[in-house]
Protein backbone atom coordinates (compact mmCIF):
# COMPACT_ATOMS: atom_id res chain seq x y z
CA UNK A 1 14.14 -19.49 -3.01
CA UNK A 2 14.79 -17.49 0.15
CA UNK A 3 17.17 -14.55 0.55
CA UNK A 4 18.70 -13.22 3.77
CA UNK A 5 19.17 -9.47 3.46
CA UNK A 6 20.45 -6.76 5.78
CA UNK A 7 18.56 -3.64 6.76
CA UNK A 8 20.25 -0.57 5.24
CA UNK A 9 18.00 2.15 6.64
CA UNK A 10 14.78 2.70 8.60
CA UNK A 11 12.84 5.94 8.87
CA UNK A 12 9.35 6.90 10.07
CA UNK A 13 6.53 7.62 7.63
CA UNK A 14 3.80 8.15 10.25
CA UNK A 15 3.58 7.64 14.02
CA UNK A 16 3.32 3.85 13.58
CA UNK A 17 4.54 3.20 10.03
CA UNK A 18 8.18 2.86 8.97
CA UNK A 19 9.95 2.64 5.64
CA UNK A 20 12.55 -0.13 5.66
CA UNK A 21 15.18 -0.39 2.94
CA UNK A 22 17.14 -3.60 2.49
CA UNK A 23 20.04 -4.97 0.52
CA UNK A 24 18.88 -6.08 -2.91
CA UNK A 25 19.93 -9.58 -4.01
CA UNK A 26 21.61 -9.73 -7.39
CA UNK A 27 19.15 -10.01 -10.30
CA UNK A 28 16.13 -9.76 -7.95
CA UNK A 29 13.20 -8.19 -9.83
CA UNK A 30 9.50 -7.70 -9.24
CA UNK A 31 6.47 -6.08 -10.83
CA UNK A 32 4.91 -3.01 -9.11
CA UNK A 33 2.09 -4.26 -6.90
CA UNK A 34 3.79 -7.53 -6.02
CA UNK A 35 4.62 -8.72 -2.50
CA UNK A 36 6.80 -11.32 -0.82
CA UNK A 37 6.82 -13.38 2.38
CA UNK A 38 9.01 -11.76 5.04
CA UNK A 39 10.37 -13.05 8.35
CA UNK A 40 12.86 -11.71 10.87
CA UNK A 41 16.22 -13.48 11.01
CA UNK A 42 16.26 -13.86 14.79
CA UNK A 43 15.94 -17.00 16.93
CA UNK A 44 12.32 -18.13 17.03
CA UNK A 45 11.16 -15.78 14.28
CA UNK A 46 12.77 -17.22 11.13
CA UNK A 47 9.69 -19.24 10.19
CA UNK A 48 7.09 -16.60 11.15
CA UNK A 49 6.43 -15.32 7.65
CA UNK A 50 4.07 -12.50 6.74
CA UNK A 51 3.28 -10.96 3.33
CA UNK A 52 4.45 -7.40 2.63
CA UNK A 53 4.31 -5.40 -0.58
CA UNK A 54 7.33 -3.77 -2.18
CA UNK A 55 6.83 0.01 -2.11
CA UNK A 56 9.99 0.95 -4.00
CA UNK A 57 10.68 0.29 -7.67
CA UNK A 58 12.34 -2.76 -9.16
CA UNK A 59 14.96 -0.41 -10.65
CA UNK A 60 15.97 0.91 -7.20
CA UNK A 61 19.34 -0.29 -5.83
CA UNK A 62 17.56 -1.46 -2.65
CA UNK A 63 14.34 -3.26 -1.70
CA UNK A 64 11.79 -1.15 0.16
CA UNK A 65 8.86 -2.03 2.38
CA UNK A 66 6.51 0.32 4.20
CA UNK A 67 5.20 -1.47 7.27
CA UNK A 68 2.74 -0.59 10.01
CA UNK A 69 3.82 -1.83 13.45
CA UNK A 70 1.39 -3.11 16.06
CA UNK A 71 3.06 -2.86 19.48
CA UNK A 72 0.08 -4.10 21.51
CA UNK A 73 0.80 -7.75 20.71
CA UNK A 74 4.03 -9.66 20.27
CA UNK A 75 3.84 -10.48 16.56
CA UNK A 76 5.94 -10.14 13.45
CA UNK A 77 5.09 -6.48 12.85
CA UNK A 78 6.19 -5.64 16.42
CA UNK A 79 9.49 -7.42 15.77
CA UNK A 80 9.90 -5.54 12.50
CA UNK A 81 9.21 -2.30 14.36
CA UNK A 82 12.17 -3.10 16.63
CA UNK A 83 14.63 -3.64 13.78
CA UNK A 84 17.85 -1.68 13.54
CA UNK A 85 20.31 -1.11 10.71
CA UNK A 86 22.37 -4.26 10.01
CA UNK A 87 19.62 -6.56 11.33
CA UNK A 88 18.43 -9.14 8.82
CA UNK A 89 15.18 -10.15 7.18
CA UNK A 90 14.45 -13.28 5.19
CA UNK A 91 12.42 -12.77 2.01
CA UNK A 92 11.04 -15.14 -0.62
CA UNK A 93 10.44 -14.75 -4.32
CA UNK A 94 7.91 -12.04 -5.33
CA UNK A 95 4.26 -12.84 -5.98
CA UNK A 96 1.00 -10.93 -6.09
CA UNK A 97 -2.34 -10.29 -7.73
CA UNK A 98 -2.52 -6.49 -7.90
CA UNK A 99 -1.41 -5.62 -11.41
CA UNK A 100 -1.86 -2.32 -13.22
CA UNK A 101 -4.14 -2.77 -16.22
CA UNK A 102 -4.94 0.81 -17.20
CA UNK A 103 -6.22 4.15 -15.96
CA UNK A 104 -8.90 4.17 -13.33
CA UNK A 105 -9.51 4.55 -9.63
CA UNK A 106 -7.30 3.40 -6.77
CA UNK A 107 -9.28 2.85 -3.56
CA UNK A 108 -7.26 2.27 -0.38
CA UNK A 109 -7.91 1.96 3.32
CA UNK A 110 -5.03 2.58 5.75
CA UNK A 111 -2.02 0.36 5.05
CA UNK A 112 -3.88 -0.82 1.95
CA UNK A 113 -2.10 2.00 0.14
CA UNK A 114 1.14 0.01 0.13
CA UNK A 115 0.46 -2.20 -2.93
CA UNK A 116 -0.37 0.96 -4.87
CA UNK A 117 2.78 2.90 -4.00
CA UNK A 118 5.14 1.10 -6.40
CA UNK A 119 2.49 1.23 -9.14
CA UNK A 120 1.92 4.98 -8.71
CA UNK A 121 5.66 5.68 -8.37
CA UNK A 122 6.40 3.74 -11.56
CA UNK A 123 3.63 5.54 -13.44
CA UNK A 124 4.97 8.87 -12.20
CA UNK A 125 8.52 7.98 -13.22
CA UNK A 126 7.27 6.96 -16.68
CA UNK A 127 5.07 10.06 -17.06
CA UNK A 128 1.94 7.89 -17.27
CA UNK A 129 -0.12 8.90 -14.24
CA UNK A 130 -2.70 10.36 -16.61
CA UNK A 131 -6.20 10.56 -15.16
CA UNK A 132 -5.71 7.99 -12.42
CA UNK A 133 -7.54 8.97 -9.22
CA UNK A 134 -6.88 7.88 -5.64
CA UNK A 135 -9.49 7.64 -2.87
CA UNK A 136 -7.60 7.05 0.39
CA UNK A 137 -9.40 6.49 3.71
CA UNK A 138 -7.75 6.78 7.14
CA UNK A 139 -8.90 7.35 10.71
CA UNK A 140 -7.06 10.66 11.21
CA UNK A 141 -4.70 12.89 9.24
CA UNK A 142 -1.79 11.54 11.32
CA UNK A 143 -2.42 8.09 9.83
CA UNK A 144 -2.05 9.08 6.16
CA UNK A 145 0.91 7.24 4.63
CA UNK A 146 2.99 9.24 2.10
CA UNK A 147 0.44 12.06 2.05
CA UNK A 148 2.75 14.74 0.65
CA UNK A 149 4.16 12.49 -2.07
CA UNK A 150 0.69 11.43 -3.18
CA UNK A 151 -0.45 15.05 -3.28
CA UNK A 152 2.65 16.05 -5.27
CA UNK A 153 2.15 13.28 -7.83
CA UNK A 154 -1.64 13.27 -8.15
CA UNK A 155 -2.69 16.80 -7.19
CA UNK A 156 -6.44 17.07 -6.76
CA UNK A 157 -6.79 13.50 -8.00
CA UNK A 158 -5.59 12.37 -4.56
CA UNK A 159 -8.75 12.47 -2.45
CA UNK A 160 -8.27 11.86 1.28
CA UNK A 161 -11.11 10.70 3.52
CA UNK A 162 -10.99 10.68 7.34
CA UNK A 163 -13.35 8.60 9.46
CA UNK A 164 -12.26 10.17 12.78
CA UNK A 165 -10.95 13.64 11.92
CA UNK A 166 -9.56 15.86 14.63
CA UNK A 167 -10.41 19.55 14.71
CA UNK A 168 -8.15 21.57 12.46
CA UNK A 169 -7.27 18.70 10.11
CA UNK A 170 -8.94 20.50 7.21
CA UNK A 171 -10.62 17.30 6.08
CA UNK A 172 -14.26 16.49 6.83
CA UNK A 173 -15.50 13.20 8.22
CA UNK A 174 -16.43 10.86 5.40
CA UNK A 175 -16.58 7.22 4.41
CA UNK A 176 -15.80 5.34 1.22
CA UNK A 177 -19.41 4.21 0.98
CA UNK A 178 -21.85 4.02 -1.91
CA UNK A 179 -22.91 7.64 -1.56
CA UNK A 180 -19.29 8.84 -1.71
CA UNK A 181 -18.38 6.70 -4.71
CA UNK A 182 -21.48 7.70 -6.68
CA UNK A 183 -20.57 11.35 -6.10
CA UNK A 184 -16.90 11.03 -7.02
CA UNK A 185 -16.65 8.31 -9.66
CA UNK A 186 -17.36 9.84 -13.04
CA UNK A 187 -17.49 6.51 -14.88
CA UNK A 188 -17.93 3.03 -13.49
CA UNK A 189 -16.71 1.44 -16.73
CA UNK A 190 -13.06 2.03 -15.84
CA UNK A 191 -10.48 -0.02 -13.97
CA UNK A 192 -10.68 -0.14 -10.18
CA UNK A 193 -7.89 -1.15 -7.79
CA UNK A 194 -9.03 -1.89 -4.24
CA UNK A 195 -6.94 -2.69 -1.16
CA UNK A 196 -7.59 -2.51 2.57
CA UNK A 197 -9.16 -4.65 5.30
CA UNK A 198 -11.06 -7.64 3.92
CA UNK A 199 -14.53 -6.33 4.92
CA UNK A 200 -13.79 -3.04 3.16
CA UNK A 201 -12.65 -4.81 -0.01
CA UNK A 202 -15.85 -6.87 -0.14
CA UNK A 203 -18.05 -3.84 0.53
CA UNK A 204 -16.32 -1.69 -2.11
CA UNK A 205 -16.38 -4.48 -4.70
CA UNK A 206 -20.12 -5.01 -4.15
CA UNK A 207 -20.78 -1.28 -4.55
CA UNK A 208 -18.72 -1.06 -7.74
CA UNK A 209 -20.37 -4.03 -9.43
CA UNK A 210 -23.83 -2.86 -8.35
CA UNK A 211 -23.16 0.46 -10.07
CA UNK A 212 -22.02 -1.03 -13.36
CA UNK A 213 -18.34 -1.88 -12.93
CA UNK A 214 -17.13 -4.93 -14.80
CA UNK A 215 -16.04 -7.51 -12.17
CA UNK A 216 -13.08 -8.34 -14.44
CA UNK A 217 -11.97 -4.69 -14.20
CA UNK A 218 -11.90 -4.69 -10.38
CA UNK A 219 -8.40 -5.65 -9.16
CA UNK A 220 -7.84 -6.56 -5.51
CA UNK A 221 -5.64 -8.73 -3.30
CA UNK A 222 -6.80 -12.33 -3.04
């Protein structure tokens, strides 16, 4: 079933990422970590669907997405970046494979943080963040999505890694490679949640399994 919903608000999160809040259809629910197919309700774009993850909570009175726009090519994300309040999106029923199964490590690259936001926000709301740890890789500090919120919720368990740091960022250059994970993961027999570009997901999953992680305990988008 498809729903046509109006944009209620749009605000910047980073220089190329926006938070978009939409009308919420009656009785529409989802599980943190789930996504839906989204298209823009404009001539020629109605059937150009792309998957985006809900970053708000199912209990919110609106639906929220956090979307990175690419303005160098005329695609769906560019169109979404041009949206204004009262414009419409078309969304489908929720689906998804990233499901919270217990405490562990969240490993994200860039916009790969988005499937984790609803999970972490729900855990925070329920007082169940516990010992969950986040490793979050970005090119520069300007690219970090929801940095202050993640720091506020996770404290020193939010570990930020920059691959192209600028002077004065306060964060050293680093990569989420095997050396980093072996230094920072205390136990590989915990749950792991991995999201980012496909090559990163494959590389991280290989490292985790090689170091003793149970493949059934590694959760990632498929």
